[in-house]
Amino acid sequence: MTEVFQFLTVLLAAFGLVSLGWLALGALLLPGVCPARMVVDARDSGEGLEQTVKALLWLRRTGLWWGEVVIEDCGLDRDGEALAHALAEQPGVTFSQDDFDRI
């Protein structure tokens, strides 16, 4: 019984050391703090816009990417604009409109 207990203890210790090494290597490979701006072109009704913005915000929450999400109006209709304005209320997301194209 003690041999089985010792084997499990050694196995857990080895797993713990491998996990710590994996975390240390991951911390070394992650990029440093270098914020970047991600510009998302939005067209028509904004199909796929919500999923794209939520995916980028997920990357920010996990720490894999630091930066700001900019939704660029490239011909949104009223529904798309409403969606973009709703998404821009989240922290780190802005909505950019070019009013000179609409004249």
PDB file of N, CA and C in Angstrom:
ATOM      1  N   MET A   1       0.819  -1.190   0.000  1.00  0.00           N
ATOM      2  CA  MET A   1       0.000   0.000   0.000  1.00  0.00           C
ATOM      3  C   MET A   1       0.863   1.253   0.000  1.00  0.00           C
ATOM      4  N   THR A   2       1.958   1.235   0.749  1.00  0.00           N
ATOM      5  CA  THR A   2       2.815   2.403   0.798  1.00  0.00           C
ATOM      6  C   THR A   2       3.528   2.625  -0.534  1.00  0.00           C
ATOM      7  N   GLU A   3       3.801   1.527  -1.267  1.00  0.00           N
ATOM      8  CA  GLU A   3       4.445   1.684  -2.569  1.00  0.00           C
ATOM      9  C   GLU A   3       3.510   2.385  -3.552  1.00  0.00           C
ATOM     10  N   VAL A   4       2.228   2.062  -3.500  1.00  0.00           N
ATOM     11  CA  VAL A   4       1.254   2.710  -4.367  1.00  0.00           C
ATOM     12  C   VAL A   4       1.134   4.181  -3.990  1.00  0.00           C
ATOM     13  N   PHE A   5       1.115   4.476  -2.708  1.00  0.00           N
ATOM     14  CA  PHE A   5       1.039   5.855  -2.233  1.00  0.00           C
ATOM     15  C   PHE A   5       2.276   6.645  -2.663  1.00  0.00           C
ATOM     16  N   GLN A   6       3.453   6.045  -2.549  1.00  0.00           N
ATOM     17  CA  GLN A   6       4.682   6.712  -2.965  1.00  0.00           C
ATOM     18  C   GLN A   6       4.677   6.955  -4.476  1.00  0.00           C
ATOM     19  N   PHE A   7       4.206   5.979  -5.229  1.00  0.00           N
ATOM     20  CA  PHE A   7       4.139   6.136  -6.688  1.00  0.00           C
ATOM     21  C   PHE A   7       3.208   7.291  -7.068  1.00  0.00           C
ATOM     22  N   LEU A   8       2.039   7.363  -6.431  1.00  0.00           N
ATOM     23  CA  LEU A   8       1.103   8.456  -6.723  1.00  0.00           C
ATOM     24  C   LEU A   8       1.669   9.809  -6.310  1.00  0.00           C
ATOM     25  N   THR A   9       2.392   9.850  -5.208  1.00  0.00           N
ATOM     26  CA  THR A   9       3.009  11.096  -4.757  1.00  0.00           C
ATOM     27  C   THR A   9       4.067  11.570  -5.747  1.00  0.00           C
ATOM     28  N   VAL A  10       4.901  10.646  -6.204  1.00  0.00           N
ATOM     29  CA  VAL A  10       5.930  10.999  -7.181  1.00  0.00           C
ATOM     30  C   VAL A  10       5.283  11.426  -8.500  1.00  0.00           C
ATOM     31  N   LEU A  11       4.219  10.747  -8.898  1.00  0.00           N
ATOM     32  CA  LEU A  11       3.527  11.098 -10.133  1.00  0.00           C
ATOM     33  C   LEU A  11       2.922  12.495 -10.047  1.00  0.00           C
ATOM     34  N   LEU A  12       2.281  12.824  -8.936  1.00  0.00           N
ATOM     35  CA  LEU A  12       1.713  14.156  -8.756  1.00  0.00           C
ATOM     36  C   LEU A  12       2.793  15.235  -8.685  1.00  0.00           C
ATOM     37  N   ALA A  13       3.909  14.927  -8.031  1.00  0.00           N
ATOM     38  CA  ALA A  13       5.015  15.886  -7.958  1.00  0.00           C
ATOM     39  C   ALA A  13       5.601  16.144  -9.350  1.00  0.00           C
ATOM     40  N   ALA A  14       5.764  15.094 -10.138  1.00  0.00           N
ATOM     41  CA  ALA A  14       6.280  15.260 -11.494  1.00  0.00           C
ATOM     42  C   ALA A  14       5.309  16.078 -12.339  1.00  0.00           C
ATOM     43  N   PHE A  15       4.026  15.806 -12.212  1.00  0.00           N
ATOM     44  CA  PHE A  15       3.024  16.578 -12.944  1.00  0.00           C
ATOM     45  C   PHE A  15       3.054  18.046 -12.534  1.00  0.00           C
ATOM     46  N   GLY A  16       3.227  18.301 -11.245  1.00  0.00           N
ATOM     47  CA  GLY A  16       3.310  19.672 -10.757  1.00  0.00           C
ATOM     48  C   GLY A  16       4.528  20.400 -11.306  1.00  0.00           C
ATOM     49  N   LEU A  17       5.673  19.727 -11.361  1.00  0.00           N
ATOM     50  CA  LEU A  17       6.873  20.357 -11.907  1.00  0.00           C
ATOM     51  C   LEU A  17       6.729  20.641 -13.399  1.00  0.00           C
ATOM     52  N   VAL A  18       6.142  19.716 -14.133  1.00  0.00           N
ATOM     53  CA  VAL A  18       5.921  19.933 -15.558  1.00  0.00           C
ATOM     54  C   VAL A  18       4.952  21.100 -15.759  1.00  0.00           C
ATOM     55  N   SER A  19       3.928  21.185 -14.940  1.00  0.00           N
ATOM     56  CA  SER A  19       2.966  22.287 -15.052  1.00  0.00           C
ATOM     57  C   SER A  19       3.625  23.628 -14.767  1.00  0.00           C
ATOM     58  N   LEU A  20       4.453  23.697 -13.744  1.00  0.00           N
ATOM     59  CA  LEU A  20       5.163  24.939 -13.434  1.00  0.00           C
ATOM     60  C   LEU A  20       6.112  25.334 -14.563  1.00  0.00           C
ATOM     61  N   GLY A  21       6.784  24.362 -15.143  1.00  0.00           N
ATOM     62  CA  GLY A  21       7.654  24.647 -16.280  1.00  0.00           C
ATOM     63  C   GLY A  21       6.869  25.154 -17.475  1.00  0.00           C
ATOM     64  N   TRP A  22       5.714  24.565 -17.709  1.00  0.00           N
ATOM     65  CA  TRP A  22       4.845  24.992 -18.815  1.00  0.00           C
ATOM     66  C   TRP A  22       4.375  26.435 -18.610  1.00  0.00           C
ATOM     67  N   LEU A  23       3.983  26.771 -17.389  1.00  0.00           N
ATOM     68  CA  LEU A  23       3.550  28.137 -17.101  1.00  0.00           C
ATOM     69  C   LEU A  23       4.693  29.133 -17.244  1.00  0.00           C
ATOM     70  N   ALA A  24       5.888  28.762 -16.794  1.00  0.00           N
ATOM     71  CA  ALA A  24       7.042  29.656 -16.911  1.00  0.00           C
ATOM     72  C   ALA A  24       7.394  29.875 -18.382  1.00  0.00           C
ATOM     73  N   LEU A  25       7.362  28.830 -19.176  1.00  0.00           N
ATOM     74  CA  LEU A  25       7.646  28.965 -20.607  1.00  0.00           C
ATOM     75  C   LEU A  25       6.585  29.821 -21.294  1.00  0.00           C
ATOM     76  N   GLY A  26       5.335  29.639 -20.924  1.00  0.00           N
ATOM     77  CA  GLY A  26       4.264  30.453 -21.487  1.00  0.00           C
ATOM     78  C   GLY A  26       4.423  31.917 -21.148  1.00  0.00           C
ATOM     79  N   ALA A  27       4.845  32.225 -19.921  1.00  0.00           N
ATOM     80  CA  ALA A  27       5.055  33.621 -19.526  1.00  0.00           C
ATOM     81  C   ALA A  27       6.211  34.242 -20.312  1.00  0.00           C
ATOM     82  N   LEU A  28       7.210  33.445 -20.640  1.00  0.00           N
ATOM     83  CA  LEU A  28       8.329  33.969 -21.420  1.00  0.00           C
ATOM     84  C   LEU A  28       7.950  34.202 -22.876  1.00  0.00           C
ATOM     85  N   LEU A  29       7.053  33.396 -23.411  1.00  0.00           N
ATOM     86  CA  LEU A  29       6.695  33.500 -24.819  1.00  0.00           C
ATOM     87  C   LEU A  29       5.604  34.515 -25.110  1.00  0.00           C
ATOM     88  N   LEU A  30       4.826  34.894 -24.092  1.00  0.00           N
ATOM     89  CA  LEU A  30       3.793  35.893 -24.319  1.00  0.00           C
ATOM     90  C   LEU A  30       4.429  37.240 -24.634  1.00  0.00           C
ATOM     91  N   PRO A  31       3.826  37.988 -25.533  1.00  0.00           N
ATOM     92  CA  PRO A  31       4.406  39.303 -25.837  1.00  0.00           C
ATOM     93  C   PRO A  31       4.293  40.241 -24.646  1.00  0.00           C
ATOM     94  N   GLY A  32       5.182  41.199 -24.607  1.00  0.00           N
ATOM     95  CA  GLY A  32       5.143  42.192 -23.539  1.00  0.00           C
ATOM     96  C   GLY A  32       3.964  43.125 -23.735  1.00  0.00           C
ATOM     97  N   VAL A  33       3.870  44.099 -22.889  1.00  0.00           N
ATOM     98  CA  VAL A  33       2.770  45.042 -22.975  1.00  0.00           C
ATOM     99  C   VAL A  33       3.027  45.964 -24.162  1.00  0.00           C
ATOM    100  N   CYS A  34       2.333  45.707 -25.227  1.00  0.00           N
ATOM    101  CA  CYS A  34       2.444  46.500 -26.446  1.00  0.00           C
ATOM    102  C   CYS A  34       1.032  46.638 -27.007  1.00  0.00           C
ATOM    103  N   PRO A  35       0.279  47.636 -26.516  1.00  0.00           N
ATOM    104  CA  PRO A  35      -1.102  47.741 -26.950  1.00  0.00           C
ATOM    105  C   PRO A  35      -1.214  48.007 -28.439  1.00  0.00           C
ATOM    106  N   ALA A  36      -2.161  47.357 -29.041  1.00  0.00           N
ATOM    107  CA  ALA A  36      -2.422  47.532 -30.464  1.00  0.00           C
ATOM    108  C   ALA A  36      -3.896  47.835 -30.655  1.00  0.00           C
ATOM    109  N   ARG A  37      -4.194  48.515 -31.715  1.00  0.00           N
ATOM    110  CA  ARG A  37      -5.585  48.854 -32.026  1.00  0.00           C
ATOM    111  C   ARG A  37      -6.063  47.911 -33.120  1.00  0.00           C
ATOM    112  N   MET A  38      -7.155  47.224 -32.859  1.00  0.00           N
ATOM    113  CA  MET A  38      -7.751  46.322 -33.835  1.00  0.00           C
ATOM    114  C   MET A  38      -8.937  47.036 -34.467  1.00  0.00           C
ATOM    115  N   VAL A  39      -8.880  47.252 -35.779  1.00  0.00           N
ATOM    116  CA  VAL A  39      -9.945  47.930 -36.498  1.00  0.00           C
ATOM    117  C   VAL A  39     -10.791  46.880 -37.215  1.00  0.00           C
ATOM    118  N   VAL A  40     -12.090  46.884 -36.914  1.00  0.00           N
ATOM    119  CA  VAL A  40     -13.028  45.940 -37.509  1.00  0.00           C
ATOM    120  C   VAL A  40     -13.896  46.707 -38.504  1.00  0.00           C
ATOM    121  N   ASP A  41     -13.827  46.331 -39.768  1.00  0.00           N
ATOM    122  CA  ASP A  41     -14.667  46.952 -40.792  1.00  0.00           C
ATOM    123  C   ASP A  41     -16.065  46.361 -40.729  1.00  0.00           C
ATOM    124  N   ALA A  42     -17.063  47.224 -40.578  1.00  0.00           N
ATOM    125  CA  ALA A  42     -18.453  46.776 -40.456  1.00  0.00           C
ATOM    126  C   ALA A  42     -19.251  47.271 -41.651  1.00  0.00           C
ATOM    127  N   ARG A  43     -19.993  46.359 -42.264  1.00  0.00           N
ATOM    128  CA  ARG A  43     -20.790  46.689 -43.444  1.00  0.00           C
ATOM    129  C   ARG A  43     -22.222  46.184 -43.277  1.00  0.00           C
ATOM    130  N   ASP A  44     -23.125  46.797 -44.024  1.00  0.00           N
ATOM    131  CA  ASP A  44     -24.533  46.394 -44.114  1.00  0.00           C
ATOM    132  C   ASP A  44     -25.174  46.300 -42.727  1.00  0.00           C
ATOM    133  N   SER A  45     -25.670  45.133 -42.374  1.00  0.00           N
ATOM    134  CA  SER A  45     -26.362  44.986 -41.094  1.00  0.00           C
ATOM    135  C   SER A  45     -25.421  44.577 -39.966  1.00  0.00           C
ATOM    136  N   GLY A  46     -24.128  44.534 -40.236  1.00  0.00           N
ATOM    137  CA  GLY A  46     -23.166  44.179 -39.200  1.00  0.00           C
ATOM    138  C   GLY A  46     -23.121  42.695 -38.912  1.00  0.00           C
ATOM    139  N   GLU A  47     -23.332  41.897 -39.956  1.00  0.00           N
ATOM    140  CA  GLU A  47     -23.336  40.443 -39.769  1.00  0.00           C
ATOM    141  C   GLU A  47     -21.952  39.975 -39.308  1.00  0.00           C
ATOM    142  N   GLY A  48     -21.904  39.256 -38.212  1.00  0.00           N
ATOM    143  CA  GLY A  48     -20.657  38.760 -37.649  1.00  0.00           C
ATOM    144  C   GLY A  48     -19.925  39.767 -36.788  1.00  0.00           C
ATOM    145  N   LEU A  49     -20.441  40.974 -36.683  1.00  0.00           N
ATOM    146  CA  LEU A  49     -19.760  42.022 -35.927  1.00  0.00           C
ATOM    147  C   LEU A  49     -19.725  41.706 -34.433  1.00  0.00           C
ATOM    148  N   GLU A  50     -20.847  41.274 -33.900  1.00  0.00           N
ATOM    149  CA  GLU A  50     -20.910  40.989 -32.469  1.00  0.00           C
ATOM    150  C   GLU A  50     -19.958  39.861 -32.084  1.00  0.00           C
ATOM    151  N   GLN A  51     -19.906  38.808 -32.897  1.00  0.00           N
ATOM    152  CA  GLN A  51     -19.013  37.689 -32.601  1.00  0.00           C
ATOM    153  C   GLN A  51     -17.546  38.120 -32.661  1.00  0.00           C
ATOM    154  N   THR A  52     -17.221  38.954 -33.635  1.00  0.00           N
ATOM    155  CA  THR A  52     -15.841  39.420 -33.768  1.00  0.00           C
ATOM    156  C   THR A  52     -15.424  40.267 -32.577  1.00  0.00           C
ATOM    157  N   VAL A  53     -16.277  41.188 -32.186  1.00  0.00           N
ATOM    158  CA  VAL A  53     -15.948  42.068 -31.060  1.00  0.00           C
ATOM    159  C   VAL A  53     -15.864  41.261 -29.765  1.00  0.00           C
ATOM    160  N   LYS A  54     -16.784  40.339 -29.561  1.00  0.00           N
ATOM    161  CA  LYS A  54     -16.742  39.521 -28.337  1.00  0.00           C
ATOM    162  C   LYS A  54     -15.496  38.642 -28.305  1.00  0.00           C
ATOM    163  N   ALA A  55     -15.065  38.136 -29.457  1.00  0.00           N
ATOM    164  CA  ALA A  55     -13.841  37.331 -29.498  1.00  0.00           C
ATOM    165  C   ALA A  55     -12.618  38.175 -29.146  1.00  0.00           C
ATOM    166  N   LEU A  56     -12.569  39.404 -29.648  1.00  0.00           N
ATOM    167  CA  LEU A  56     -11.441  40.280 -29.324  1.00  0.00           C
ATOM    168  C   LEU A  56     -11.446  40.680 -27.853  1.00  0.00           C
ATOM    169  N   LEU A  57     -12.632  40.911 -27.311  1.00  0.00           N
ATOM    170  CA  LEU A  57     -12.716  41.228 -25.885  1.00  0.00           C
ATOM    171  C   LEU A  57     -12.323  40.030 -25.032  1.00  0.00           C
ATOM    172  N   TRP A  58     -12.621  38.829 -25.501  1.00  0.00           N
ATOM    173  CA  TRP A  58     -12.202  37.615 -24.783  1.00  0.00           C
ATOM    174  C   TRP A  58     -10.681  37.531 -24.770  1.00  0.00           C
ATOM    175  N   LEU A  59     -10.040  37.851 -25.891  1.00  0.00           N
ATOM    176  CA  LEU A  59      -8.578  37.853 -25.923  1.00  0.00           C
ATOM    177  C   LEU A  59      -8.004  38.862 -24.932  1.00  0.00           C
ATOM    178  N   ARG A  60      -8.669  40.007 -24.803  1.00  0.00           N
ATOM    179  CA  ARG A  60      -8.204  40.996 -23.822  1.00  0.00           C
ATOM    180  C   ARG A  60      -8.358  40.489 -22.402  1.00  0.00           C
ATOM    181  N   ARG A  61      -9.502  39.855 -22.119  1.00  0.00           N
ATOM    182  CA  ARG A  61      -9.721  39.354 -20.754  1.00  0.00           C
ATOM    183  C   ARG A  61      -8.726  38.271 -20.374  1.00  0.00           C
ATOM    184  N   THR A  62      -8.312  37.444 -21.324  1.00  0.00           N
ATOM    185  CA  THR A  62      -7.371  36.375 -21.017  1.00  0.00           C
ATOM    186  C   THR A  62      -5.938  36.862 -20.927  1.00  0.00           C
ATOM    187  N   GLY A  63      -5.687  38.098 -21.395  1.00  0.00           N
ATOM    188  CA  GLY A  63      -4.342  38.646 -21.327  1.00  0.00           C
ATOM    189  C   GLY A  63      -3.478  38.297 -22.526  1.00  0.00           C
ATOM    190  N   LEU A  64      -4.054  37.688 -23.542  1.00  0.00           N
ATOM    191  CA  LEU A  64      -3.282  37.344 -24.733  1.00  0.00           C
ATOM    192  C   LEU A  64      -3.107  38.524 -25.680  1.00  0.00           C
ATOM    193  N   TRP A  65      -3.914  39.556 -25.496  1.00  0.00           N
ATOM    194  CA  TRP A  65      -3.830  40.740 -26.354  1.00  0.00           C
ATOM    195  C   TRP A  65      -4.223  41.957 -25.536  1.00  0.00           C
ATOM    196  N   TRP A  66      -3.455  43.024 -25.688  1.00  0.00           N
ATOM    197  CA  TRP A  66      -3.773  44.278 -25.022  1.00  0.00           C
ATOM    198  C   TRP A  66      -4.063  45.294 -26.117  1.00  0.00           C
ATOM    199  N   GLY A  67      -5.142  45.968 -25.999  1.00  0.00           N
ATOM    200  CA  GLY A  67      -5.423  46.981 -26.999  1.00  0.00           C
ATOM    201  C   GLY A  67      -6.876  47.410 -26.999  1.00  0.00           C
ATOM    202  N   GLU A  68      -7.212  48.146 -28.040  1.00  0.00           N
ATOM    203  CA  GLU A  68      -8.532  48.736 -28.176  1.00  0.00           C
ATOM    204  C   GLU A  68      -9.185  48.197 -29.445  1.00  0.00           C
ATOM    205  N   VAL A  69     -10.485  48.008 -29.395  1.00  0.00           N
ATOM    206  CA  VAL A  69     -11.255  47.570 -30.550  1.00  0.00           C
ATOM    207  C   VAL A  69     -11.951  48.789 -31.141  1.00  0.00           C
ATOM    208  N   VAL A  70     -11.741  49.023 -32.417  1.00  0.00           N
ATOM    209  CA  VAL A  70     -12.375  50.139 -33.114  1.00  0.00           C
ATOM    210  C   VAL A  70     -13.277  49.554 -34.196  1.00  0.00           C
ATOM    211  N   ILE A  71     -14.552  49.896 -34.132  1.00  0.00           N
ATOM    212  CA  ILE A  71     -15.502  49.480 -35.163  1.00  0.00           C
ATOM    213  C   ILE A  71     -15.574  50.602 -36.187  1.00  0.00           C
ATOM    214  N   GLU A  72     -15.169  50.318 -37.398  1.00  0.00           N
ATOM    215  CA  GLU A  72     -15.136  51.304 -38.476  1.00  0.00           C
ATOM    216  C   GLU A  72     -16.376  51.124 -39.351  1.00  0.00           C
ATOM    217  N   ASP A  73     -17.122  52.209 -39.525  1.00  0.00           N
ATOM    218  CA  ASP A  73     -18.330  52.180 -40.348  1.00  0.00           C
ATOM    219  C   ASP A  73     -17.939  52.196 -41.823  1.00  0.00           C
ATOM    220  N   CYS A  74     -18.182  51.107 -42.500  1.00  0.00           N
ATOM    221  CA  CYS A  74     -17.887  50.996 -43.939  1.00  0.00           C
ATOM    222  C   CYS A  74     -19.178  50.743 -44.700  1.00  0.00           C
ATOM    223  N   GLY A  75     -20.230  51.461 -44.332  1.00  0.00           N
ATOM    224  CA  GLY A  75     -21.502  51.308 -45.026  1.00  0.00           C
ATOM    225  C   GLY A  75     -22.535  50.532 -44.224  1.00  0.00           C
ATOM    226  N   LEU A  76     -22.672  50.853 -42.957  1.00  0.00           N
ATOM    227  CA  LEU A  76     -23.673  50.189 -42.118  1.00  0.00           C
ATOM    228  C   LEU A  76     -25.048  50.779 -42.375  1.00  0.00           C
ATOM    229  N   ASP A  77     -26.077  49.928 -42.310  1.00  0.00           N
ATOM    230  CA  ASP A  77     -27.444  50.442 -42.357  1.00  0.00           C
ATOM    231  C   ASP A  77     -27.885  50.766 -40.931  1.00  0.00           C
ATOM    232  N   ARG A  78     -29.156  51.084 -40.741  1.00  0.00           N
ATOM    233  CA  ARG A  78     -29.634  51.500 -39.403  1.00  0.00           C
ATOM    234  C   ARG A  78     -29.478  50.388 -38.361  1.00  0.00           C
ATOM    235  N   ASP A  79     -29.800  49.157 -38.736  1.00  0.00           N
ATOM    236  CA  ASP A  79     -29.648  48.045 -37.787  1.00  0.00           C
ATOM    237  C   ASP A  79     -28.186  47.836 -37.417  1.00  0.00           C
ATOM    238  N   GLY A  80     -27.319  47.929 -38.408  1.00  0.00           N
ATOM    239  CA  GLY A  80     -25.889  47.767 -38.145  1.00  0.00           C
ATOM    240  C   GLY A  80     -25.338  48.865 -37.260  1.00  0.00           C
ATOM    241  N   GLU A  81     -25.804  50.094 -37.493  1.00  0.00           N
ATOM    242  CA  GLU A  81     -25.360  51.203 -36.643  1.00  0.00           C
ATOM    243  C   GLU A  81     -25.831  51.026 -35.208  1.00  0.00           C
ATOM    244  N   ALA A  82     -27.065  50.562 -35.040  1.00  0.00           N
ATOM    245  CA  ALA A  82     -27.579  50.328 -33.686  1.00  0.00           C
ATOM    246  C   ALA A  82     -26.754  49.258 -32.976  1.00  0.00           C
ATOM    247  N   LEU A  83     -26.396  48.208 -33.711  1.00  0.00           N
ATOM    248  CA  LEU A  83     -25.572  47.154 -33.129  1.00  0.00           C
ATOM    249  C   LEU A  83     -24.186  47.690 -32.767  1.00  0.00           C
ATOM    250  N   ALA A  84     -23.594  48.467 -33.656  1.00  0.00           N
ATOM    251  CA  ALA A  84     -22.265  49.016 -33.395  1.00  0.00           C
ATOM    252  C   ALA A  84     -22.276  49.954 -32.190  1.00  0.00           C
ATOM    253  N   HIS A  85     -23.314  50.783 -32.082  1.00  0.00           N
ATOM    254  CA  HIS A  85     -23.416  51.679 -30.918  1.00  0.00           C
ATOM    255  C   HIS A  85     -23.585  50.881 -29.629  1.00  0.00           C
ATOM    256  N   ALA A  86     -24.362  49.795 -29.684  1.00  0.00           N
ATOM    257  CA  ALA A  86     -24.545  48.957 -28.492  1.00  0.00           C
ATOM    258  C   ALA A  86     -23.230  48.296 -28.091  1.00  0.00           C
ATOM    259  N   LEU A  87     -22.460  47.824 -29.071  1.00  0.00           N
ATOM    260  CA  LEU A  87     -21.175  47.197 -28.763  1.00  0.00           C
ATOM    261  C   LEU A  87     -20.159  48.216 -28.261  1.00  0.00           C
ATOM    262  N   ALA A  88     -20.270  49.464 -28.738  1.00  0.00           N
ATOM    263  CA  ALA A  88     -19.320  50.502 -28.328  1.00  0.00           C
ATOM    264  C   ALA A  88     -19.518  50.946 -26.885  1.00  0.00           C
ATOM    265  N   GLU A  89     -20.599  50.542 -26.260  1.00  0.00           N
ATOM    266  CA  GLU A  89     -20.813  50.877 -24.852  1.00  0.00           C
ATOM    267  C   GLU A  89     -19.929  50.044 -23.929  1.00  0.00           C
ATOM    268  N   GLN A  90     -19.355  48.972 -24.444  1.00  0.00           N
ATOM    269  CA  GLN A  90     -18.480  48.141 -23.640  1.00  0.00           C
ATOM    270  C   GLN A  90     -17.121  48.823 -23.506  1.00  0.00           C
ATOM    271  N   PRO A  91     -16.453  48.640 -22.371  1.00  0.00           N
ATOM    272  CA  PRO A  91     -15.151  49.291 -22.194  1.00  0.00           C
ATOM    273  C   PRO A  91     -14.123  48.741 -23.184  1.00  0.00           C
ATOM    274  N   GLY A  92     -13.366  49.655 -23.796  1.00  0.00           N
ATOM    275  CA  GLY A  92     -12.331  49.257 -24.739  1.00  0.00           C
ATOM    276  C   GLY A  92     -12.798  49.159 -26.170  1.00  0.00           C
ATOM    277  N   VAL A  93     -14.070  49.498 -26.429  1.00  0.00           N
ATOM    278  CA  VAL A  93     -14.619  49.438 -27.784  1.00  0.00           C
ATOM    279  C   VAL A  93     -15.094  50.829 -28.171  1.00  0.00           C
ATOM    280  N   THR A  94     -14.677  51.303 -29.351  1.00  0.00           N
ATOM    281  CA  THR A  94     -15.139  52.584 -29.858  1.00  0.00           C
ATOM    282  C   THR A  94     -15.728  52.391 -31.251  1.00  0.00           C
ATOM    283  N   PHE A  95     -16.592  53.317 -31.629  1.00  0.00           N
ATOM    284  CA  PHE A  95     -17.259  53.273 -32.926  1.00  0.00           C
ATOM    285  C   PHE A  95     -16.866  54.517 -33.711  1.00  0.00           C
ATOM    286  N   SER A  96     -16.330  54.321 -34.903  1.00  0.00           N
ATOM    287  CA  SER A  96     -15.859  55.421 -35.721  1.00  0.00           C
ATOM    288  C   SER A  96     -16.724  55.534 -36.968  1.00  0.00           C
ATOM    289  N   GLN A  97     -17.297  56.730 -37.163  1.00  0.00           N
ATOM    290  CA  GLN A  97     -18.129  56.994 -38.327  1.00  0.00           C
ATOM    291  C   GLN A  97     -17.494  58.099 -39.148  1.00  0.00           C
ATOM    292  N   ASP A  98     -17.518  57.935 -40.462  1.00  0.00           N
ATOM    293  CA  ASP A  98     -17.072  58.991 -41.377  1.00  0.00           C
ATOM    294  C   ASP A  98     -18.306  59.641 -41.946  1.00  0.00           C
ATOM    295  N   ASP A  99     -18.659  60.822 -41.427  1.00  0.00           N
ATOM    296  CA  ASP A  99     -19.880  61.491 -41.872  1.00  0.00           C
ATOM    297  C   ASP A  99     -19.745  62.108 -43.254  1.00  0.00           C
ATOM    298  N   PHE A 100     -18.521  62.337 -43.711  1.00  0.00           N
ATOM    299  CA  PHE A 100     -18.380  62.958 -45.020  1.00  0.00           C
ATOM    300  C   PHE A 100     -18.768  62.029 -46.157  1.00  0.00           C
ATOM    301  N   ASP A 101     -18.800  60.719 -45.931  1.00  0.00           N
ATOM    302  CA  ASP A 101     -19.232  59.773 -46.963  1.00  0.00           C
ATOM    303  C   ASP A 101     -20.750  59.763 -47.114  1.00  0.00           C
ATOM    304  N   ARG A 102     -21.472  60.270 -46.146  1.00  0.00           N
ATOM    305  CA  ARG A 102     -22.919  60.183 -46.161  1.00  0.00           C
ATOM    306  C   ARG A 102     -23.575  61.401 -46.794  1.00  0.00           C
ATOM    307  N   ILE A 103     -22.829  62.370 -47.218  1.00  0.00           N
ATOM    308  CA  ILE A 103     -23.380  63.596 -47.786  1.00  0.00           C
ATOM    309  C   ILE A 103     -23.827  63.362 -49.214  1.00  0.00           C
TER     310      ILE A 103
END
